[in-house]
Amino acid sequence: MFRAFSRKSKFSFLNIAALGAFIVLLILNNYLTNDPISDVEGRAKVIDGDSLVVNGREVRLQGIDAPEGRQMCRRNNREWACGRESRNVLRRLIGGKSVSCEALDIDKHDRLLALCRVGGVELNREMVALGFALSYGRFRNEERAAKASRRGMWAGEFERPRDWRRQRNIGR
């Protein structure tokens, strides 16, 4: 009786060990084949002036900071919805065409940080050049030119998007 119990225990242990090894291999395979930092391409859904979703992946346009959707600015002594306008400008730039995003990193919110293009237009750079996003580590020359020409937000008064978020405790 002891011998039969011993063989059965050994058999059960081997089954459990094999199952555990199989699970580890599945997890490792999933990790190796689903690189979170990979380029994406396809139709885009615009979230705001610096964020979109491409093929189910949330993408943040790296190197820029656009006003939030509810953010207001002032122009000609009147409030205007600069956040909404920034989102609309990005939509017009994309124009329903396929977006190609070069992955650079992942942010703390698990969003892909990328440089995105539609045809020959680099969206990140163009949003700053048009004055509907601020330089955030890149595109300083485009920001200087937009400011000098009083394009987009530079045509009036605005609060920097990061300051606007900070005042309202909105994480990004």
C-alpha atoms as a PDB file:
ATOM      1  CA  MET A   1       0.000   0.000   0.000  1.00  0.00           C
ATOM      2  CA  PHE A   2       2.769   2.434   0.810  1.00  0.00           C
ATOM      3  CA  ARG A   3       4.381   1.740  -2.539  1.00  0.00           C
ATOM      4  CA  ALA A   4       1.171   2.438  -4.531  1.00  0.00           C
ATOM      5  CA  PHE A   5       0.635   5.664  -2.617  1.00  0.00           C
ATOM      6  CA  SER A   6       4.235   6.680  -3.231  1.00  0.00           C
ATOM      7  CA  ARG A   7       3.974   6.098  -7.036  1.00  0.00           C
ATOM      8  CA  LYS A   8       0.698   8.008  -7.174  1.00  0.00           C
ATOM      9  CA  SER A   9       2.232  10.943  -5.262  1.00  0.00           C
ATOM     10  CA  LYS A  10       5.245  10.977  -7.562  1.00  0.00           C
ATOM     11  CA  PHE A  11       2.948  10.896 -10.614  1.00  0.00           C
ATOM     12  CA  SER A  12       0.833  13.766  -9.276  1.00  0.00           C
ATOM     13  CA  PHE A  13       3.918  15.826  -8.514  1.00  0.00           C
ATOM     14  CA  LEU A  14       5.224  15.335 -12.069  1.00  0.00           C
ATOM     15  CA  ASN A  15       1.840  16.371 -13.522  1.00  0.00           C
ATOM     16  CA  ILE A  16       1.772  19.515 -11.411  1.00  0.00           C
ATOM     17  CA  ALA A  17       5.391  20.352 -12.294  1.00  0.00           C
ATOM     18  CA  ALA A  18       4.709  19.835 -16.007  1.00  0.00           C
ATOM     19  CA  LEU A  19       1.577  21.988 -15.828  1.00  0.00           C
ATOM     20  CA  GLY A  20       3.522  24.716 -14.014  1.00  0.00           C
ATOM     21  CA  ALA A  21       6.299  24.632 -16.642  1.00  0.00           C
ATOM     22  CA  PHE A  22       3.694  24.832 -19.409  1.00  0.00           C
ATOM     23  CA  ILE A  23       2.080  27.893 -17.819  1.00  0.00           C
ATOM     24  CA  VAL A  24       5.474  29.603 -17.426  1.00  0.00           C
ATOM     25  CA  LEU A  25       6.244  28.923 -21.106  1.00  0.00           C
ATOM     26  CA  LEU A  26       2.862  30.374 -22.168  1.00  0.00           C
ATOM     27  CA  ILE A  27       3.467  33.535 -20.157  1.00  0.00           C
ATOM     28  CA  LEU A  28       7.010  33.877 -21.501  1.00  0.00           C
ATOM     29  CA  ASN A  29       5.816  33.345 -25.080  1.00  0.00           C
ATOM     30  CA  ASN A  30       3.086  35.968 -24.621  1.00  0.00           C
ATOM     31  CA  TYR A  31       5.607  38.428 -23.215  1.00  0.00           C
ATOM     32  CA  LEU A  32       8.105  37.857 -26.024  1.00  0.00           C
ATOM     33  CA  THR A  33       5.577  38.039 -28.862  1.00  0.00           C
ATOM     34  CA  ASN A  34       3.560  41.025 -27.565  1.00  0.00           C
ATOM     35  CA  ASP A  35       6.217  43.717 -27.320  1.00  0.00           C
ATOM     36  CA  PRO A  36       4.416  46.694 -25.741  1.00  0.00           C
ATOM     37  CA  ILE A  37       6.742  49.130 -27.527  1.00  0.00           C
ATOM     38  CA  SER A  38       5.921  48.473 -31.149  1.00  0.00           C
ATOM     39  CA  ASP A  39       4.862  50.725 -33.995  1.00  0.00           C
ATOM     40  CA  VAL A  40       1.153  50.975 -34.790  1.00  0.00           C
ATOM     41  CA  GLU A  41      -0.654  51.886 -37.957  1.00  0.00           C
ATOM     42  CA  GLY A  42      -4.271  52.235 -38.980  1.00  0.00           C
ATOM     43  CA  ARG A  43      -7.343  54.371 -38.552  1.00  0.00           C
ATOM     44  CA  ALA A  44      -7.244  56.690 -35.567  1.00  0.00           C
ATOM     45  CA  LYS A  45      -9.815  57.931 -33.096  1.00  0.00           C
ATOM     46  CA  VAL A  46      -8.772  61.338 -31.750  1.00  0.00           C
ATOM     47  CA  ILE A  47      -9.133  61.768 -27.979  1.00  0.00           C
ATOM     48  CA  ASP A  48      -7.691  65.281 -27.702  1.00  0.00           C
ATOM     49  CA  GLY A  49      -5.007  67.407 -29.337  1.00  0.00           C
ATOM     50  CA  ASP A  50      -2.161  65.102 -28.330  1.00  0.00           C
ATOM     51  CA  SER A  51      -3.809  61.713 -27.780  1.00  0.00           C
ATOM     52  CA  LEU A  52      -5.436  59.165 -30.046  1.00  0.00           C
ATOM     53  CA  VAL A  53      -6.246  55.497 -30.318  1.00  0.00           C
ATOM     54  CA  VAL A  54      -4.782  53.536 -33.231  1.00  0.00           C
ATOM     55  CA  ASN A  55      -5.822  49.901 -33.667  1.00  0.00           C
ATOM     56  CA  GLY A  56      -7.018  49.741 -30.073  1.00  0.00           C
ATOM     57  CA  ARG A  57      -3.753  51.150 -28.677  1.00  0.00           C
ATOM     58  CA  GLU A  58      -3.798  54.495 -26.857  1.00  0.00           C
ATOM     59  CA  VAL A  59      -1.079  56.731 -28.276  1.00  0.00           C
ATOM     60  CA  ARG A  60       0.256  59.986 -26.857  1.00  0.00           C
ATOM     61  CA  LEU A  61       1.993  62.280 -29.334  1.00  0.00           C
ATOM     62  CA  GLN A  62       5.495  62.486 -27.865  1.00  0.00           C
ATOM     63  CA  GLY A  63       7.172  65.862 -27.379  1.00  0.00           C
ATOM     64  CA  ILE A  64       4.010  67.990 -27.293  1.00  0.00           C
ATOM     65  CA  ASP A  65       1.366  69.086 -24.801  1.00  0.00           C
ATOM     66  CA  ALA A  66      -2.036  70.191 -26.087  1.00  0.00           C
ATOM     67  CA  PRO A  67      -4.862  71.813 -24.113  1.00  0.00           C
ATOM     68  CA  GLU A  68      -7.308  69.474 -22.443  1.00  0.00           C
ATOM     69  CA  GLY A  69     -10.727  68.938 -23.989  1.00  0.00           C
ATOM     70  CA  ARG A  70     -12.508  71.160 -21.438  1.00  0.00           C
ATOM     71  CA  GLN A  71      -9.775  73.783 -21.322  1.00  0.00           C
ATOM     72  CA  MET A  72     -10.746  77.337 -22.231  1.00  0.00           C
ATOM     73  CA  CYS A  73      -8.480  80.124 -23.504  1.00  0.00           C
ATOM     74  CA  ARG A  74      -9.042  83.836 -24.194  1.00  0.00           C
ATOM     75  CA  ARG A  75      -8.906  85.536 -27.580  1.00  0.00           C
ATOM     76  CA  ASN A  76     -10.229  88.991 -28.473  1.00  0.00           C
ATOM     77  CA  ASN A  77     -11.382  89.398 -24.849  1.00  0.00           C
ATOM     78  CA  ARG A  78     -13.617  86.315 -25.148  1.00  0.00           C
ATOM     79  CA  GLU A  79     -13.321  82.765 -23.924  1.00  0.00           C
ATOM     80  CA  TRP A  80     -12.968  80.110 -26.572  1.00  0.00           C
ATOM     81  CA  ALA A  81     -12.751  76.349 -26.317  1.00  0.00           C
ATOM     82  CA  CYS A  82      -9.087  75.939 -27.232  1.00  0.00           C
ATOM     83  CA  GLY A  83      -9.039  72.321 -26.001  1.00  0.00           C
ATOM     84  CA  ARG A  84     -11.900  71.363 -28.281  1.00  0.00           C
ATOM     85  CA  GLU A  85     -10.350  73.320 -31.166  1.00  0.00           C
ATOM     86  CA  SER A  86      -7.008  71.568 -30.656  1.00  0.00           C
ATOM     87  CA  ARG A  87      -8.769  68.186 -30.902  1.00  0.00           C
ATOM     88  CA  ASN A  88     -10.585  69.344 -34.065  1.00  0.00           C
ATOM     89  CA  VAL A  89      -7.325  70.516 -35.665  1.00  0.00           C
ATOM     90  CA  LEU A  90      -5.791  67.069 -35.091  1.00  0.00           C
ATOM     91  CA  ARG A  91      -8.900  65.445 -36.588  1.00  0.00           C
ATOM     92  CA  ARG A  92      -8.611  67.660 -39.684  1.00  0.00           C
ATOM     93  CA  LEU A  93      -4.907  66.841 -40.060  1.00  0.00           C
ATOM     94  CA  ILE A  94      -5.714  63.130 -39.989  1.00  0.00           C
ATOM     95  CA  GLY A  95      -8.721  63.538 -42.264  1.00  0.00           C
ATOM     96  CA  GLY A  96      -9.879  59.934 -41.902  1.00  0.00           C
ATOM     97  CA  LYS A  97      -6.611  58.619 -43.385  1.00  0.00           C
ATOM     98  CA  SER A  98      -4.401  55.905 -41.957  1.00  0.00           C
ATOM     99  CA  VAL A  99      -2.018  57.050 -39.208  1.00  0.00           C
ATOM    100  CA  SER A 100       1.454  55.570 -38.817  1.00  0.00           C
ATOM    101  CA  CYS A 101       3.063  55.885 -35.374  1.00  0.00           C
ATOM    102  CA  GLU A 102       6.711  55.207 -34.581  1.00  0.00           C
ATOM    103  CA  ALA A 103       6.839  53.903 -31.013  1.00  0.00           C
ATOM    104  CA  LEU A 104       9.415  55.561 -28.753  1.00  0.00           C
ATOM    105  CA  ASP A 105       8.409  54.633 -25.212  1.00  0.00           C
ATOM    106  CA  ILE A 106       5.560  53.789 -22.832  1.00  0.00           C
ATOM    107  CA  ASP A 107       4.361  56.390 -20.307  1.00  0.00           C
ATOM    108  CA  LYS A 108       3.279  55.773 -16.707  1.00  0.00           C
ATOM    109  CA  HIS A 109      -0.332  55.336 -17.874  1.00  0.00           C
ATOM    110  CA  ASP A 110       0.695  52.511 -20.289  1.00  0.00           C
ATOM    111  CA  ARG A 111       0.169  54.742 -23.336  1.00  0.00           C
ATOM    112  CA  LEU A 112       2.473  54.449 -26.302  1.00  0.00           C
ATOM    113  CA  LEU A 113       4.609  57.579 -26.730  1.00  0.00           C
ATOM    114  CA  ALA A 114       5.126  58.008 -30.452  1.00  0.00           C
ATOM    115  CA  LEU A 115       5.841  60.208 -33.426  1.00  0.00           C
ATOM    116  CA  CYS A 116       2.840  59.894 -35.725  1.00  0.00           C
ATOM    117  CA  ARG A 117       2.410  60.693 -39.408  1.00  0.00           C
ATOM    118  CA  VAL A 118      -0.318  60.904 -41.977  1.00  0.00           C
ATOM    119  CA  GLY A 119       1.310  60.732 -45.387  1.00  0.00           C
ATOM    120  CA  GLY A 120       4.179  63.217 -45.270  1.00  0.00           C
ATOM    121  CA  VAL A 121       2.766  65.218 -42.337  1.00  0.00           C
ATOM    122  CA  GLU A 122       4.309  64.649 -38.914  1.00  0.00           C
ATOM    123  CA  LEU A 123       1.347  65.253 -36.610  1.00  0.00           C
ATOM    124  CA  ASN A 124       3.373  66.070 -33.479  1.00  0.00           C
ATOM    125  CA  ARG A 125       5.387  68.770 -35.226  1.00  0.00           C
ATOM    126  CA  GLU A 126       2.389  70.172 -37.121  1.00  0.00           C
ATOM    127  CA  MET A 127       0.248  70.578 -33.989  1.00  0.00           C
ATOM    128  CA  VAL A 128       2.985  72.747 -32.442  1.00  0.00           C
ATOM    129  CA  ALA A 129       3.615  74.642 -35.711  1.00  0.00           C
ATOM    130  CA  LEU A 130      -0.093  75.491 -35.958  1.00  0.00           C
ATOM    131  CA  GLY A 131      -0.098  76.735 -32.350  1.00  0.00           C
ATOM    132  CA  PHE A 132      -2.541  74.128 -31.007  1.00  0.00           C
ATOM    133  CA  ALA A 133       0.038  72.309 -28.871  1.00  0.00           C
ATOM    134  CA  LEU A 134       3.105  73.389 -26.942  1.00  0.00           C
ATOM    135  CA  SER A 135       6.592  72.023 -27.256  1.00  0.00           C
ATOM    136  CA  TYR A 136       7.313  69.489 -24.544  1.00  0.00           C
ATOM    137  CA  GLY A 137      10.978  68.685 -25.056  1.00  0.00           C
ATOM    138  CA  ARG A 138      10.854  68.782 -28.855  1.00  0.00           C
ATOM    139  CA  PHE A 139       9.745  71.150 -31.608  1.00  0.00           C
ATOM    140  CA  ARG A 140      11.007  74.313 -29.905  1.00  0.00           C
ATOM    141  CA  ASN A 141      11.626  76.060 -33.251  1.00  0.00           C
ATOM    142  CA  GLU A 142       8.054  75.341 -34.346  1.00  0.00           C
ATOM    143  CA  GLU A 143       6.752  76.767 -31.067  1.00  0.00           C
ATOM    144  CA  ARG A 144       8.840  79.948 -31.457  1.00  0.00           C
ATOM    145  CA  ALA A 145       7.509  80.434 -35.001  1.00  0.00           C
ATOM    146  CA  ALA A 146       3.877  79.836 -33.931  1.00  0.00           C
ATOM    147  CA  LYS A 147       4.276  82.283 -31.053  1.00  0.00           C
ATOM    148  CA  ALA A 148       5.885  84.948 -33.276  1.00  0.00           C
ATOM    149  CA  SER A 149       3.079  84.560 -35.839  1.00  0.00           C
ATOM    150  CA  ARG A 150       0.381  84.448 -33.111  1.00  0.00           C
ATOM    151  CA  ARG A 151      -1.054  81.182 -34.451  1.00  0.00           C
ATOM    152  CA  GLY A 152      -3.563  79.045 -32.571  1.00  0.00           C
ATOM    153  CA  MET A 153      -3.395  79.532 -28.815  1.00  0.00           C
ATOM    154  CA  TRP A 154      -0.705  82.183 -29.284  1.00  0.00           C
ATOM    155  CA  ALA A 155      -3.361  84.501 -30.782  1.00  0.00           C
ATOM    156  CA  GLY A 156      -4.615  85.170 -27.257  1.00  0.00           C
ATOM    157  CA  GLU A 157      -4.077  84.159 -23.644  1.00  0.00           C
ATOM    158  CA  PHE A 158      -3.916  80.629 -22.321  1.00  0.00           C
ATOM    159  CA  GLU A 159      -2.795  78.597 -19.374  1.00  0.00           C
ATOM    160  CA  ARG A 160      -0.178  75.962 -20.088  1.00  0.00           C
ATOM    161  CA  PRO A 161      -1.968  72.592 -20.242  1.00  0.00           C
ATOM    162  CA  ARG A 162       0.212  71.045 -17.510  1.00  0.00           C
ATOM    163  CA  ASP A 163      -0.615  73.977 -15.181  1.00  0.00           C
ATOM    164  CA  TRP A 164      -4.325  73.707 -16.055  1.00  0.00           C
ATOM    165  CA  ARG A 165      -4.251  69.982 -15.165  1.00  0.00           C
ATOM    166  CA  ARG A 166      -2.254  70.576 -11.979  1.00  0.00           C
ATOM    167  CA  GLN A 167      -4.768  73.169 -10.712  1.00  0.00           C
ATOM    168  CA  ARG A 168      -7.584  70.665 -11.203  1.00  0.00           C
ATOM    169  CA  ASN A 169      -5.661  67.611  -9.935  1.00  0.00           C
ATOM    170  CA  ILE A 170      -6.030  65.909 -13.289  1.00  0.00           C
ATOM    171  CA  GLY A 171      -3.391  63.225 -13.756  1.00  0.00           C
ATOM    172  CA  ARG A 172      -1.870  62.677 -17.134  1.00  0.00           C
END
